[in-house]
Amino acid sequence: MKVAWKKKNNKRPLTSVSHLPFEEEEEEDTTDEGRYKPTEESATAASHVDDAVQLAQSFEAQGIKLAEVGKYHEALGKWEAAITLMPERATLHEQKAQVLLEIGETWKSLTAATRATQLEPSWAEAWVTLGRAQLNFGEPDSAIESFDTALAIKADCVEAKEDRQTALRLVKKRKQLHSAGLHVSENRYVVTDKAEP
């Protein structure tokens, strides 16, 4: 996907450098009440911000529609474009994490879900997504902590409860394997010749 931007020949003033010999003295624009009156330049900047927000929201909506029909890579592209425009929007990172889980990109999903929880620490669904990414990454203990955080935020979150039970079962199985004498560094099955005792 290629996004084309129209070039404008708007020259920006050198506002960061002051007292230049060729600089004109500018008076502050104020209304009758003495309040600040936005300049044409600040109105244009606000317009650009609004345009970026609208474009990001459009990309997000397109991504949702694509993900709903199983076009995960296309959805990911839309959300990446939206994140470029609005990097501090937690929902974009959480949606990205879900799609990355669907396509098997566990590490990337883990980082996107982590970013969502950093941006919005009080959002239970982001913690559930992080827990799922941690489960898929093979970290059930961390996943339990994430599900616990989600449940602390939203006690009636069914997904967090169910996924927490799954993580607990995995931890229990791991403990059973360790107590049976199987360690991470040992193989489960040893292939030997029949002649050897």
C-alpha atoms as a PDB file:
ATOM      1  CA  MET A   1       0.000   0.000   0.000  1.00  0.00           C
ATOM      2  CA  LYS A   2       1.353   3.368  -0.948  1.00  0.00           C
ATOM      3  CA  VAL A   3       0.047   6.573   0.507  1.00  0.00           C
ATOM      4  CA  ALA A   4       0.568   9.597  -1.693  1.00  0.00           C
ATOM      5  CA  TRP A   5       0.648  13.045  -0.149  1.00  0.00           C
ATOM      6  CA  LYS A   6       0.082  16.224  -2.092  1.00  0.00           C
ATOM      7  CA  LYS A   7       2.972  18.602  -1.775  1.00  0.00           C
ATOM      8  CA  LYS A   8       2.167  22.155  -0.838  1.00  0.00           C
ATOM      9  CA  ASN A   9       4.474  25.105  -1.186  1.00  0.00           C
ATOM     10  CA  ASN A  10       3.825  26.417   2.307  1.00  0.00           C
ATOM     11  CA  LYS A  11       6.927  28.025   3.683  1.00  0.00           C
ATOM     12  CA  ARG A  12       7.369  27.832   7.434  1.00  0.00           C
ATOM     13  CA  PRO A  13       8.883  30.757   9.296  1.00  0.00           C
ATOM     14  CA  LEU A  14      11.998  30.277  11.357  1.00  0.00           C
ATOM     15  CA  THR A  15      10.289  30.648  14.721  1.00  0.00           C
ATOM     16  CA  SER A  16      12.955  28.834  16.671  1.00  0.00           C
ATOM     17  CA  VAL A  17      15.625  31.362  15.719  1.00  0.00           C
ATOM     18  CA  SER A  18      14.978  34.782  17.170  1.00  0.00           C
ATOM     19  CA  HIS A  19      16.398  38.242  16.635  1.00  0.00           C
ATOM     20  CA  LEU A  20      17.534  37.745  13.069  1.00  0.00           C
ATOM     21  CA  PRO A  21      18.537  41.001  11.366  1.00  0.00           C
ATOM     22  CA  PHE A  22      15.932  40.587   8.644  1.00  0.00           C
ATOM     23  CA  GLU A  23      13.149  39.550  11.035  1.00  0.00           C
ATOM     24  CA  GLU A  24      10.115  41.811  11.095  1.00  0.00           C
ATOM     25  CA  GLU A  25       8.564  42.880  14.342  1.00  0.00           C
ATOM     26  CA  GLU A  26       5.248  41.081  14.747  1.00  0.00           C
ATOM     27  CA  GLU A  27       2.519  42.181  17.071  1.00  0.00           C
ATOM     28  CA  GLU A  28       0.439  39.620  18.934  1.00  0.00           C
ATOM     29  CA  ASP A  29      -2.969  38.998  17.474  1.00  0.00           C
ATOM     30  CA  THR A  30      -5.554  39.486  20.209  1.00  0.00           C
ATOM     31  CA  THR A  31      -9.289  39.986  20.302  1.00  0.00           C
ATOM     32  CA  ASP A  32     -10.983  42.876  22.053  1.00  0.00           C
ATOM     33  CA  GLU A  33     -10.991  40.976  25.340  1.00  0.00           C
ATOM     34  CA  GLY A  34      -7.225  40.550  25.163  1.00  0.00           C
ATOM     35  CA  ARG A  35      -7.373  36.777  24.574  1.00  0.00           C
ATOM     36  CA  TYR A  36      -5.143  34.969  22.139  1.00  0.00           C
ATOM     37  CA  LYS A  37      -6.510  34.884  18.613  1.00  0.00           C
ATOM     38  CA  PRO A  38      -5.333  31.891  16.556  1.00  0.00           C
ATOM     39  CA  THR A  39      -3.279  32.834  13.549  1.00  0.00           C
ATOM     40  CA  GLU A  40      -3.857  31.395  10.121  1.00  0.00           C
ATOM     41  CA  GLU A  41      -0.744  29.272  10.613  1.00  0.00           C
ATOM     42  CA  SER A  42      -1.984  27.722  13.880  1.00  0.00           C
ATOM     43  CA  ALA A  43      -5.397  27.058  12.313  1.00  0.00           C
ATOM     44  CA  THR A  44      -3.681  25.276   9.413  1.00  0.00           C
ATOM     45  CA  ALA A  45      -1.650  23.155  11.864  1.00  0.00           C
ATOM     46  CA  ALA A  46      -4.824  22.211  13.762  1.00  0.00           C
ATOM     47  CA  SER A  47      -6.449  21.313  10.454  1.00  0.00           C
ATOM     48  CA  HIS A  48      -3.533  18.996   9.617  1.00  0.00           C
ATOM     49  CA  VAL A  49      -3.865  17.291  13.014  1.00  0.00           C
ATOM     50  CA  ASP A  50      -7.585  16.787  12.441  1.00  0.00           C
ATOM     51  CA  ASP A  51      -6.882  15.363   8.987  1.00  0.00           C
ATOM     52  CA  ALA A  52      -4.325  12.922  10.447  1.00  0.00           C
ATOM     53  CA  VAL A  53      -6.797  11.781  13.113  1.00  0.00           C
ATOM     54  CA  GLN A  54      -9.531  11.246  10.533  1.00  0.00           C
ATOM     55  CA  LEU A  55      -7.164   9.349   8.257  1.00  0.00           C
ATOM     56  CA  ALA A  56      -5.976   7.156  11.142  1.00  0.00           C
ATOM     57  CA  GLN A  57      -9.569   6.417  12.135  1.00  0.00           C
ATOM     58  CA  SER A  58     -10.346   5.508   8.543  1.00  0.00           C
ATOM     59  CA  PHE A  59      -7.368   3.110   8.427  1.00  0.00           C
ATOM     60  CA  GLU A  60      -8.468   1.596  11.736  1.00  0.00           C
ATOM     61  CA  ALA A  61     -12.017   0.997  10.479  1.00  0.00           C
ATOM     62  CA  GLN A  62     -10.717  -0.540   7.245  1.00  0.00           C
ATOM     63  CA  GLY A  63      -8.424  -2.800   9.273  1.00  0.00           C
ATOM     64  CA  ILE A  64     -11.318  -3.989  11.419  1.00  0.00           C
ATOM     65  CA  LYS A  65     -13.373  -4.887   8.349  1.00  0.00           C
ATOM     66  CA  LEU A  66     -10.452  -6.741   6.782  1.00  0.00           C
ATOM     67  CA  ALA A  67      -9.720  -8.674   9.980  1.00  0.00           C
ATOM     68  CA  GLU A  68     -13.364  -9.696  10.320  1.00  0.00           C
ATOM     69  CA  VAL A  69     -13.210 -11.432   6.934  1.00  0.00           C
ATOM     70  CA  GLY A  70      -9.861 -13.086   7.668  1.00  0.00           C
ATOM     71  CA  LYS A  71      -7.609 -10.793   5.636  1.00  0.00           C
ATOM     72  CA  TYR A  72      -5.127 -10.435   8.461  1.00  0.00           C
ATOM     73  CA  HIS A  73      -2.094  -9.210   6.533  1.00  0.00           C
ATOM     74  CA  GLU A  74      -4.133  -6.479   4.856  1.00  0.00           C
ATOM     75  CA  ALA A  75      -5.652  -5.494   8.206  1.00  0.00           C
ATOM     76  CA  LEU A  76      -2.189  -5.343   9.717  1.00  0.00           C
ATOM     77  CA  GLY A  77      -1.105  -2.963   6.959  1.00  0.00           C
ATOM     78  CA  LYS A  78      -4.013  -0.633   7.670  1.00  0.00           C
ATOM     79  CA  TRP A  79      -3.313  -0.625  11.403  1.00  0.00           C
ATOM     80  CA  GLU A  80       0.391  -0.017  10.826  1.00  0.00           C
ATOM     81  CA  ALA A  81      -0.527   3.044   8.753  1.00  0.00           C
ATOM     82  CA  ALA A  82      -2.873   4.223  11.513  1.00  0.00           C
ATOM     83  CA  ILE A  83      -0.184   3.696  14.160  1.00  0.00           C
ATOM     84  CA  THR A  84       2.188   5.840  12.112  1.00  0.00           C
ATOM     85  CA  LEU A  85      -0.342   8.666  12.335  1.00  0.00           C
ATOM     86  CA  MET A  86      -1.453   8.025  15.931  1.00  0.00           C
ATOM     87  CA  PRO A  87       1.290   6.092  17.764  1.00  0.00           C
ATOM     88  CA  GLU A  88      -0.235   6.701  21.208  1.00  0.00           C
ATOM     89  CA  ARG A  89      -3.583   5.003  20.472  1.00  0.00           C
ATOM     90  CA  ALA A  90      -3.735   1.824  22.564  1.00  0.00           C
ATOM     91  CA  THR A  91      -6.578   0.205  20.599  1.00  0.00           C
ATOM     92  CA  LEU A  92      -4.463   0.134  17.455  1.00  0.00           C
ATOM     93  CA  HIS A  93      -1.656  -1.700  19.233  1.00  0.00           C
ATOM     94  CA  GLU A  94      -4.095  -4.154  20.832  1.00  0.00           C
ATOM     95  CA  GLN A  95      -5.800  -4.891  17.501  1.00  0.00           C
ATOM     96  CA  LYS A  96      -2.414  -5.326  15.887  1.00  0.00           C
ATOM     97  CA  ALA A  97      -1.443  -7.792  18.637  1.00  0.00           C
ATOM     98  CA  GLN A  98      -4.576  -9.875  18.042  1.00  0.00           C
ATOM     99  CA  VAL A  99      -3.925 -10.113  14.305  1.00  0.00           C
ATOM    100  CA  LEU A 100      -0.277 -10.965  14.873  1.00  0.00           C
ATOM    101  CA  LEU A 101      -1.407 -13.848  17.098  1.00  0.00           C
ATOM    102  CA  GLU A 102      -3.677 -15.040  14.302  1.00  0.00           C
ATOM    103  CA  ILE A 103      -0.835 -15.142  11.767  1.00  0.00           C
ATOM    104  CA  GLY A 104       1.632 -16.748  14.189  1.00  0.00           C
ATOM    105  CA  GLU A 105       3.880 -13.741  14.864  1.00  0.00           C
ATOM    106  CA  THR A 106       4.012 -14.334  18.611  1.00  0.00           C
ATOM    107  CA  TRP A 107       6.963 -12.110  19.520  1.00  0.00           C
ATOM    108  CA  LYS A 108       5.602  -9.157  17.559  1.00  0.00           C
ATOM    109  CA  SER A 109       2.211  -9.755  19.147  1.00  0.00           C
ATOM    110  CA  LEU A 110       3.792  -9.740  22.577  1.00  0.00           C
ATOM    111  CA  THR A 111       5.493  -6.391  21.933  1.00  0.00           C
ATOM    112  CA  ALA A 112       2.331  -4.811  20.470  1.00  0.00           C
ATOM    113  CA  ALA A 113       0.182  -6.011  23.390  1.00  0.00           C
ATOM    114  CA  THR A 114       2.779  -4.766  25.862  1.00  0.00           C
ATOM    115  CA  ARG A 115       2.676  -1.358  24.199  1.00  0.00           C
ATOM    116  CA  ALA A 116      -1.131  -1.311  24.450  1.00  0.00           C
ATOM    117  CA  THR A 117      -0.972  -1.982  28.203  1.00  0.00           C
ATOM    118  CA  GLN A 118       1.662   0.725  28.625  1.00  0.00           C
ATOM    119  CA  LEU A 119      -0.516   3.259  26.837  1.00  0.00           C
ATOM    120  CA  GLU A 120      -3.743   2.241  28.593  1.00  0.00           C
ATOM    121  CA  PRO A 121      -2.917   0.390  31.839  1.00  0.00           C
ATOM    122  CA  SER A 122      -6.538   0.396  32.997  1.00  0.00           C
ATOM    123  CA  TRP A 123      -7.899  -1.419  29.914  1.00  0.00           C
ATOM    124  CA  ALA A 124      -8.698  -5.026  30.808  1.00  0.00           C
ATOM    125  CA  GLU A 125      -8.944  -6.264  27.205  1.00  0.00           C
ATOM    126  CA  ALA A 126      -5.389  -5.145  26.496  1.00  0.00           C
ATOM    127  CA  TRP A 127      -4.198  -7.210  29.480  1.00  0.00           C
ATOM    128  CA  VAL A 128      -6.140 -10.242  28.183  1.00  0.00           C
ATOM    129  CA  THR A 129      -4.477  -9.890  24.785  1.00  0.00           C
ATOM    130  CA  LEU A 130      -1.084  -9.572  26.467  1.00  0.00           C
ATOM    131  CA  GLY A 131      -1.798 -12.709  28.506  1.00  0.00           C
ATOM    132  CA  ARG A 132      -2.708 -14.629  25.358  1.00  0.00           C
ATOM    133  CA  ALA A 133       0.476 -13.479  23.643  1.00  0.00           C
ATOM    134  CA  GLN A 134       2.465 -14.577  26.695  1.00  0.00           C
ATOM    135  CA  LEU A 135       0.750 -17.984  26.639  1.00  0.00           C
ATOM    136  CA  ASN A 136       1.600 -18.430  22.975  1.00  0.00           C
ATOM    137  CA  PHE A 137       5.157 -17.365  23.699  1.00  0.00           C
ATOM    138  CA  GLY A 138       5.438 -20.100  26.330  1.00  0.00           C
ATOM    139  CA  GLU A 139       5.250 -17.906  29.407  1.00  0.00           C
ATOM    140  CA  PRO A 140       2.205 -19.151  31.353  1.00  0.00           C
ATOM    141  CA  ASP A 141       3.405 -17.606  34.638  1.00  0.00           C
ATOM    142  CA  SER A 142       3.546 -14.146  33.065  1.00  0.00           C
ATOM    143  CA  ALA A 143       0.208 -14.796  31.391  1.00  0.00           C
ATOM    144  CA  ILE A 144      -1.397 -15.554  34.769  1.00  0.00           C
ATOM    145  CA  GLU A 145      -0.141 -12.194  36.059  1.00  0.00           C
ATOM    146  CA  SER A 146      -1.629 -10.424  33.039  1.00  0.00           C
ATOM    147  CA  PHE A 147      -4.969 -12.201  33.443  1.00  0.00           C
ATOM    148  CA  ASP A 148      -4.942 -11.312  37.148  1.00  0.00           C
ATOM    149  CA  THR A 149      -4.397  -7.666  36.218  1.00  0.00           C
ATOM    150  CA  ALA A 150      -7.313  -7.845  33.781  1.00  0.00           C
ATOM    151  CA  LEU A 151      -9.506  -9.366  36.480  1.00  0.00           C
ATOM    152  CA  ALA A 152      -8.470  -6.701  38.978  1.00  0.00           C
ATOM    153  CA  ILE A 153      -9.639  -4.077  36.484  1.00  0.00           C
ATOM    154  CA  LYS A 154     -12.754  -5.922  35.330  1.00  0.00           C
ATOM    155  CA  ALA A 155     -13.733  -8.699  37.753  1.00  0.00           C
ATOM    156  CA  ASP A 156     -16.435 -10.142  35.492  1.00  0.00           C
ATOM    157  CA  CYS A 157     -14.177 -10.589  32.429  1.00  0.00           C
ATOM    158  CA  VAL A 158     -15.060 -14.113  31.270  1.00  0.00           C
ATOM    159  CA  GLU A 159     -12.195 -14.322  28.762  1.00  0.00           C
ATOM    160  CA  ALA A 160      -9.615 -13.500  31.437  1.00  0.00           C
ATOM    161  CA  LYS A 161     -11.071 -16.136  33.774  1.00  0.00           C
ATOM    162  CA  GLU A 162     -11.099 -18.856  31.113  1.00  0.00           C
ATOM    163  CA  ASP A 163      -7.632 -18.035  29.780  1.00  0.00           C
ATOM    164  CA  ARG A 164      -6.256 -17.883  33.315  1.00  0.00           C
ATOM    165  CA  GLN A 165      -7.521 -21.447  33.887  1.00  0.00           C
ATOM    166  CA  THR A 166      -5.740 -22.563  30.717  1.00  0.00           C
ATOM    167  CA  ALA A 167      -2.508 -20.970  31.939  1.00  0.00           C
ATOM    168  CA  LEU A 168      -2.898 -22.626  35.348  1.00  0.00           C
ATOM    169  CA  ARG A 169      -3.318 -26.031  33.671  1.00  0.00           C
ATOM    170  CA  LEU A 170      -0.122 -25.480  31.698  1.00  0.00           C
ATOM    171  CA  VAL A 171       1.793 -24.547  34.842  1.00  0.00           C
ATOM    172  CA  LYS A 172       0.414 -27.651  36.581  1.00  0.00           C
ATOM    173  CA  LYS A 173       1.487 -29.901  33.687  1.00  0.00           C
ATOM    174  CA  ARG A 174       4.941 -28.366  33.709  1.00  0.00           C
ATOM    175  CA  LYS A 175       5.251 -29.082  37.446  1.00  0.00           C
ATOM    176  CA  GLN A 176       4.125 -32.683  36.884  1.00  0.00           C
ATOM    177  CA  LEU A 177       6.782 -33.151  34.209  1.00  0.00           C
ATOM    178  CA  HIS A 178       9.464 -31.742  36.473  1.00  0.00           C
ATOM    179  CA  SER A 179       8.400 -33.900  39.393  1.00  0.00           C
ATOM    180  CA  ALA A 180       8.444 -36.968  37.141  1.00  0.00           C
ATOM    181  CA  GLY A 181      12.135 -36.377  36.556  1.00  0.00           C
ATOM    182  CA  LEU A 182      11.923 -34.744  33.149  1.00  0.00           C
ATOM    183  CA  HIS A 183      13.874 -31.553  32.931  1.00  0.00           C
ATOM    184  CA  VAL A 184      14.009 -28.911  30.252  1.00  0.00           C
ATOM    185  CA  SER A 185      17.549 -29.945  29.293  1.00  0.00           C
ATOM    186  CA  GLU A 186      16.689 -33.654  28.946  1.00  0.00           C
ATOM    187  CA  ASN A 187      14.928 -35.364  26.075  1.00  0.00           C
ATOM    188  CA  ARG A 188      11.610 -37.037  26.702  1.00  0.00           C
ATOM    189  CA  TYR A 189      12.418 -40.049  24.580  1.00  0.00           C
ATOM    190  CA  VAL A 190      15.749 -41.730  24.124  1.00  0.00           C
ATOM    191  CA  VAL A 191      16.303 -43.861  21.040  1.00  0.00           C
ATOM    192  CA  THR A 192      18.735 -46.743  21.589  1.00  0.00           C
ATOM    193  CA  ASP A 193      19.563 -50.046  19.946  1.00  0.00           C
ATOM    194  CA  LYS A 194      17.685 -53.094  21.214  1.00  0.00           C
ATOM    195  CA  ALA A 195      20.987 -54.748  21.996  1.00  0.00           C
ATOM    196  CA  GLU A 196      21.884 -52.126  24.560  1.00  0.00           C
ATOM    197  CA  PRO A 197      20.457 -52.636  28.050  1.00  0.00           C
END
